[in-house]
Structures are given as structure tokens and as C-alpha cells.
């Protein structure tokens, strides 16, 4: 269960990346962390909407998420910053990014079996969607980030994950 515990001890601060972090078992707490910086090929998103997936529930229910883990991988954000070399996006763009991204180069990808890619399940978001801002790592920024059309509401776009 996600709770507001910690909110009075650690109030949200605008200069921090406020996250909902796992505390062991099904406990969570709001905590401030440093705002990530976009490195080469990366993008920083200010979160607009995040989905609460069955995987998140499973990890909370079973204690599979270790202490400090920030869950949430179905998200829509606004581009806050772009690292060197990122093209096709500008600050302010609304973006959705699936969390599983194949490499596109390995044998499985070349055969059209992207879900069998060795790097498919690699975490390409930091810290996770239950945060004010999330860093999208280079492979996801280049291969999977999608600028959203104006007519698609955030609440619908969050479900774009395949």
C-alpha cells in the first residue's frame, strides 16, 4: 500500500526530486533525492502522469522491491532537459516512453524477436516513475521515446506500452 508516511518528516521541496520509495514489505515513504542530470543521449522528463501497474502491486505485495526502489514505469512526462546529441525533441514536448527497449542489433532483434533481446528488460529509467522527474537513458531516448500529439490526453497515453 502506498502511504503518505514520511510526508511530515520530509516535506516535498521544489529543488529536490521528490520520490515515493519502497521501505521494505509493502511500506513506502516520500523522500527528496537529487534531481538527475541528462548526460549524452539522455533526456530528463518532468512527470505528468504515471500508471500503477500490476508489476508494481506485485513487487509491493511480495516485498520484491528492495528498500529505496522507486517503482513506476508507465509514464508520460514533459521534456525538461536534453543531453548532448538528442535530436527530434525540444524542452516542453510531451513524451511517453515504454520501459522495455530492445537493442535492435543482436541476433534476436535482427530476427524480429525483440522480446528475446538480452538487454530488453534492462532498466532504462532512473529513479522510476513515482518521482517528480525521471531520467530516460540514451537507448530509450533514441529508440523508444514518442512525442505525443496534442489530441492525445496524458491519461490515455500512459497506456501506450506494448
C-alpha atoms as a PDB file:
ATOM      1  CA  UNK A   1       0.000   0.000   0.000  1.00  0.00           C
ATOM      2  CA  UNK A   2       1.339   3.428  -0.877  1.00  0.00           C
ATOM      3  CA  UNK A   3       1.024   5.765   2.049  1.00  0.00           C
ATOM      4  CA  UNK A   4       1.875   9.340   2.835  1.00  0.00           C
ATOM      5  CA  UNK A   5       4.162   8.292   5.681  1.00  0.00           C
ATOM      6  CA  UNK A   6       7.237  10.447   5.782  1.00  0.00           C
ATOM      7  CA  UNK A   7       5.465  13.462   4.308  1.00  0.00           C
ATOM      8  CA  UNK A   8       5.628  15.415   7.566  1.00  0.00           C
ATOM      9  CA  UNK A   9       9.226  14.334   8.219  1.00  0.00           C
ATOM     10  CA  UNK A  10      10.370  15.009   4.637  1.00  0.00           C
ATOM     11  CA  UNK A  11       8.207  17.685   3.041  1.00  0.00           C
ATOM     12  CA  UNK A  12       8.226  17.989  -0.717  1.00  0.00           C
ATOM     13  CA  UNK A  13      10.740  20.534  -1.896  1.00  0.00           C
ATOM     14  CA  UNK A  14      10.799  22.140  -5.351  1.00  0.00           C
ATOM     15  CA  UNK A  15      14.598  21.883  -5.690  1.00  0.00           C
ATOM     16  CA  UNK A  16      14.580  18.128  -4.996  1.00  0.00           C
ATOM     17  CA  UNK A  17      13.354  15.144  -6.966  1.00  0.00           C
ATOM     18  CA  UNK A  18      10.588  14.006  -4.624  1.00  0.00           C
ATOM     19  CA  UNK A  19      10.090  10.238  -4.936  1.00  0.00           C
ATOM     20  CA  UNK A  20       7.914   7.548  -3.408  1.00  0.00           C
ATOM     21  CA  UNK A  21      10.496   4.993  -2.297  1.00  0.00           C
ATOM     22  CA  UNK A  22       9.932   1.446  -1.093  1.00  0.00           C
ATOM     23  CA  UNK A  23      10.815   0.899   2.555  1.00  0.00           C
ATOM     24  CA  UNK A  24      10.561  -2.880   2.739  1.00  0.00           C
ATOM     25  CA  UNK A  25       7.500  -5.068   2.622  1.00  0.00           C
ATOM     26  CA  UNK A  26       4.536  -3.049   1.415  1.00  0.00           C
ATOM     27  CA  UNK A  27       5.699   0.194   3.046  1.00  0.00           C
ATOM     28  CA  UNK A  28       6.644   3.327   1.132  1.00  0.00           C
ATOM     29  CA  UNK A  29       7.757   6.828   2.035  1.00  0.00           C
ATOM     30  CA  UNK A  30       8.065  10.174   0.318  1.00  0.00           C
ATOM     31  CA  UNK A  31      11.695  11.300   0.209  1.00  0.00           C
ATOM     32  CA  UNK A  32      13.683  14.031  -1.530  1.00  0.00           C
ATOM     33  CA  UNK A  33      16.565  12.987  -3.783  1.00  0.00           C
ATOM     34  CA  UNK A  34      18.872  14.935  -6.077  1.00  0.00           C
ATOM     35  CA  UNK A  35      17.400  15.888  -9.445  1.00  0.00           C
ATOM     36  CA  UNK A  36      19.085  13.736 -12.118  1.00  0.00           C
ATOM     37  CA  UNK A  37      21.048  15.449 -14.888  1.00  0.00           C
ATOM     38  CA  UNK A  38      20.753  14.428 -18.521  1.00  0.00           C
ATOM     39  CA  UNK A  39      24.035  13.083 -19.861  1.00  0.00           C
ATOM     40  CA  UNK A  40      24.909  12.488 -23.517  1.00  0.00           C
ATOM     41  CA  UNK A  41      21.954  10.976 -25.389  1.00  0.00           C
ATOM     42  CA  UNK A  42      19.664  11.139 -22.346  1.00  0.00           C
ATOM     43  CA  UNK A  43      16.525  13.125 -21.600  1.00  0.00           C
ATOM     44  CA  UNK A  44      15.087  14.355 -18.330  1.00  0.00           C
ATOM     45  CA  UNK A  45      11.309  14.329 -18.022  1.00  0.00           C
ATOM     46  CA  UNK A  46       9.121  16.208 -15.572  1.00  0.00           C
ATOM     47  CA  UNK A  47       6.405  13.667 -14.799  1.00  0.00           C
ATOM     48  CA  UNK A  48       2.813  14.448 -15.728  1.00  0.00           C
ATOM     49  CA  UNK A  49       1.146  11.030 -15.258  1.00  0.00           C
ATOM     50  CA  UNK A  50       2.355   7.645 -14.053  1.00  0.00           C
ATOM     51  CA  UNK A  51       0.448   4.374 -14.176  1.00  0.00           C
ATOM     52  CA  UNK A  52       0.199   1.963 -11.272  1.00  0.00           C
ATOM     53  CA  UNK A  53       0.945  -1.373 -12.937  1.00  0.00           C
ATOM     54  CA  UNK A  54       0.233  -4.897 -11.752  1.00  0.00           C
ATOM     55  CA  UNK A  55       4.004  -5.384 -11.588  1.00  0.00           C
ATOM     56  CA  UNK A  56       4.230  -2.517  -9.090  1.00  0.00           C
ATOM     57  CA  UNK A  57       1.490  -4.103  -6.980  1.00  0.00           C
ATOM     58  CA  UNK A  58       3.220  -7.493  -7.135  1.00  0.00           C
ATOM     59  CA  UNK A  59       6.551  -6.023  -6.046  1.00  0.00           C
ATOM     60  CA  UNK A  60       4.928  -4.199  -3.126  1.00  0.00           C
ATOM     61  CA  UNK A  61       2.811  -7.178  -2.100  1.00  0.00           C
ATOM     62  CA  UNK A  62       5.688  -9.664  -2.178  1.00  0.00           C
ATOM     63  CA  UNK A  63       8.430  -7.363  -0.935  1.00  0.00           C
ATOM     64  CA  UNK A  64      10.328  -7.936  -4.202  1.00  0.00           C
ATOM     65  CA  UNK A  65      11.182  -4.232  -4.462  1.00  0.00           C
ATOM     66  CA  UNK A  66      14.201  -3.582  -2.281  1.00  0.00           C
ATOM     67  CA  UNK A  67      14.399  -0.661   0.121  1.00  0.00           C
ATOM     68  CA  UNK A  68      14.956   2.587  -1.760  1.00  0.00           C
ATOM     69  CA  UNK A  69      13.470   1.289  -5.012  1.00  0.00           C
ATOM     70  CA  UNK A  70      11.278   3.772  -6.882  1.00  0.00           C
ATOM     71  CA  UNK A  71       8.603   1.917  -8.835  1.00  0.00           C
ATOM     72  CA  UNK A  72       6.572   3.149 -11.799  1.00  0.00           C
ATOM     73  CA  UNK A  73       7.438   2.532 -15.436  1.00  0.00           C
ATOM     74  CA  UNK A  74       4.295   3.528 -17.351  1.00  0.00           C
ATOM     75  CA  UNK A  75       4.661   7.259 -17.669  1.00  0.00           C
ATOM     76  CA  UNK A  76       4.062  10.458 -19.556  1.00  0.00           C
ATOM     77  CA  UNK A  77       6.322  13.415 -18.978  1.00  0.00           C
ATOM     78  CA  UNK A  78       7.343  16.777 -20.328  1.00  0.00           C
ATOM     79  CA  UNK A  79      10.888  17.176 -21.611  1.00  0.00           C
ATOM     80  CA  UNK A  80      12.743  19.253 -19.016  1.00  0.00           C
ATOM     81  CA  UNK A  81      16.284  18.825 -20.364  1.00  0.00           C
ATOM     82  CA  UNK A  82      18.108  17.089 -23.195  1.00  0.00           C
ATOM     83  CA  UNK A  83      21.624  15.699 -23.136  1.00  0.00           C
ATOM     84  CA  UNK A  84      24.090  16.329 -25.931  1.00  0.00           C
ATOM     85  CA  UNK A  85      23.210  14.515 -29.127  1.00  0.00           C
ATOM     86  CA  UNK A  86      19.472  14.107 -28.526  1.00  0.00           C
ATOM     87  CA  UNK A  87      17.557  15.131 -31.632  1.00  0.00           C
ATOM     88  CA  UNK A  88      13.889  15.303 -32.536  1.00  0.00           C
ATOM     89  CA  UNK A  89      12.736  16.681 -29.173  1.00  0.00           C
ATOM     90  CA  UNK A  90      12.616  20.095 -27.553  1.00  0.00           C
ATOM     91  CA  UNK A  91      12.020  21.139 -23.956  1.00  0.00           C
ATOM     92  CA  UNK A  92       8.286  21.202 -23.267  1.00  0.00           C
ATOM     93  CA  UNK A  93       7.423  18.274 -25.568  1.00  0.00           C
ATOM     94  CA  UNK A  94       5.033  15.748 -24.027  1.00  0.00           C
ATOM     95  CA  UNK A  95       6.620  12.313 -24.255  1.00  0.00           C
ATOM     96  CA  UNK A  96       5.720   8.709 -23.451  1.00  0.00           C
ATOM     97  CA  UNK A  97       8.461   6.088 -23.147  1.00  0.00           C
ATOM     98  CA  UNK A  98       7.985   2.328 -22.837  1.00  0.00           C
ATOM     99  CA  UNK A  99      10.243   0.780 -20.225  1.00  0.00           C
ATOM    100  CA  UNK A 100      11.380  -2.274 -22.226  1.00  0.00           C
ATOM    101  CA  UNK A 101      13.562  -1.323 -25.181  1.00  0.00           C
ATOM    102  CA  UNK A 102      15.357  -3.850 -27.383  1.00  0.00           C
ATOM    103  CA  UNK A 103      18.886  -3.080 -28.581  1.00  0.00           C
ATOM    104  CA  UNK A 104      17.976  -3.524 -32.255  1.00  0.00           C
ATOM    105  CA  UNK A 105      21.371  -5.030 -33.077  1.00  0.00           C
ATOM    106  CA  UNK A 106      21.602  -8.516 -31.554  1.00  0.00           C
ATOM    107  CA  UNK A 107      20.674 -11.728 -33.357  1.00  0.00           C
ATOM    108  CA  UNK A 108      17.240 -11.902 -31.708  1.00  0.00           C
ATOM    109  CA  UNK A 109      16.420  -8.315 -32.679  1.00  0.00           C
ATOM    110  CA  UNK A 110      17.605  -8.848 -36.249  1.00  0.00           C
ATOM    111  CA  UNK A 111      15.345 -11.914 -36.465  1.00  0.00           C
ATOM    112  CA  UNK A 112      12.352  -9.885 -35.264  1.00  0.00           C
ATOM    113  CA  UNK A 113      12.280 -11.438 -31.776  1.00  0.00           C
ATOM    114  CA  UNK A 114      12.853  -8.192 -29.858  1.00  0.00           C
ATOM    115  CA  UNK A 115      11.334  -9.525 -26.636  1.00  0.00           C
ATOM    116  CA  UNK A 116      14.131 -12.114 -26.544  1.00  0.00           C
ATOM    117  CA  UNK A 117      16.826  -9.419 -26.700  1.00  0.00           C
ATOM    118  CA  UNK A 118      19.354  -9.846 -23.884  1.00  0.00           C
ATOM    119  CA  UNK A 119      19.002  -6.182 -22.926  1.00  0.00           C
ATOM    120  CA  UNK A 120      15.209  -5.942 -23.367  1.00  0.00           C
ATOM    121  CA  UNK A 121      14.472  -5.920 -19.636  1.00  0.00           C
ATOM    122  CA  UNK A 122      17.311  -3.591 -18.704  1.00  0.00           C
ATOM    123  CA  UNK A 123      16.139  -0.646 -16.588  1.00  0.00           C
ATOM    124  CA  UNK A 124      16.401   2.498 -18.702  1.00  0.00           C
ATOM    125  CA  UNK A 125      14.651   4.915 -16.320  1.00  0.00           C
ATOM    126  CA  UNK A 126      16.079   6.434 -13.168  1.00  0.00           C
ATOM    127  CA  UNK A 127      14.921   6.517 -10.490  1.00  0.00           C
ATOM    128  CA  UNK A 128      11.422   5.387 -11.558  1.00  0.00           C
ATOM    129  CA  UNK A 129       8.056   6.887 -12.422  1.00  0.00           C
ATOM    130  CA  UNK A 130       6.876   7.623  -8.884  1.00  0.00           C
ATOM    131  CA  UNK A 131       9.011  10.760  -8.834  1.00  0.00           C
ATOM    132  CA  UNK A 132       8.881  14.394  -9.885  1.00  0.00           C
ATOM    133  CA  UNK A 133      11.491  13.858 -12.589  1.00  0.00           C
ATOM    134  CA  UNK A 134      12.844  10.765 -14.320  1.00  0.00           C
ATOM    135  CA  UNK A 135      15.981  10.311 -16.376  1.00  0.00           C
ATOM    136  CA  UNK A 136      15.451   8.414 -19.632  1.00  0.00           C
ATOM    137  CA  UNK A 137      18.691   6.685 -20.565  1.00  0.00           C
ATOM    138  CA  UNK A 138      20.192   7.004 -24.038  1.00  0.00           C
ATOM    139  CA  UNK A 139      18.899   3.803 -25.663  1.00  0.00           C
ATOM    140  CA  UNK A 140      15.324   4.512 -24.579  1.00  0.00           C
ATOM    141  CA  UNK A 141      15.576   8.174 -25.597  1.00  0.00           C
ATOM    142  CA  UNK A 142      16.849   7.220 -29.056  1.00  0.00           C
ATOM    143  CA  UNK A 143      14.736   4.136 -29.776  1.00  0.00           C
ATOM    144  CA  UNK A 144      11.527   4.400 -27.782  1.00  0.00           C
ATOM    145  CA  UNK A 145      10.588   7.939 -26.756  1.00  0.00           C
ATOM    146  CA  UNK A 146       7.424   9.123 -28.518  1.00  0.00           C
ATOM    147  CA  UNK A 147       6.330  12.748 -28.793  1.00  0.00           C
ATOM    148  CA  UNK A 148       2.604  12.837 -28.112  1.00  0.00           C
ATOM    149  CA  UNK A 149       0.117  14.576 -30.398  1.00  0.00           C
ATOM    150  CA  UNK A 150      -1.878  17.389 -28.811  1.00  0.00           C
ATOM    151  CA  UNK A 151      -5.139  15.449 -29.157  1.00  0.00           C
ATOM    152  CA  UNK A 152      -3.962  12.515 -27.011  1.00  0.00           C
ATOM    153  CA  UNK A 153      -4.612  13.114 -23.301  1.00  0.00           C
ATOM    154  CA  UNK A 154      -1.927  12.116 -20.795  1.00  0.00           C
ATOM    155  CA  UNK A 155      -4.334   9.701 -19.114  1.00  0.00           C
ATOM    156  CA  UNK A 156      -4.691   7.748 -22.375  1.00  0.00           C
ATOM    157  CA  UNK A 157      -1.047   7.988 -23.454  1.00  0.00           C
ATOM    158  CA  UNK A 158       0.158   6.360 -20.229  1.00  0.00           C
ATOM    159  CA  UNK A 159      -1.315   3.096 -21.569  1.00  0.00           C
ATOM    160  CA  UNK A 160       0.748   3.109 -24.798  1.00  0.00           C
ATOM    161  CA  UNK A 161       3.153   0.456 -23.519  1.00  0.00           C
ATOM    162  CA  UNK A 162       3.030  -2.623 -25.737  1.00  0.00           C
END
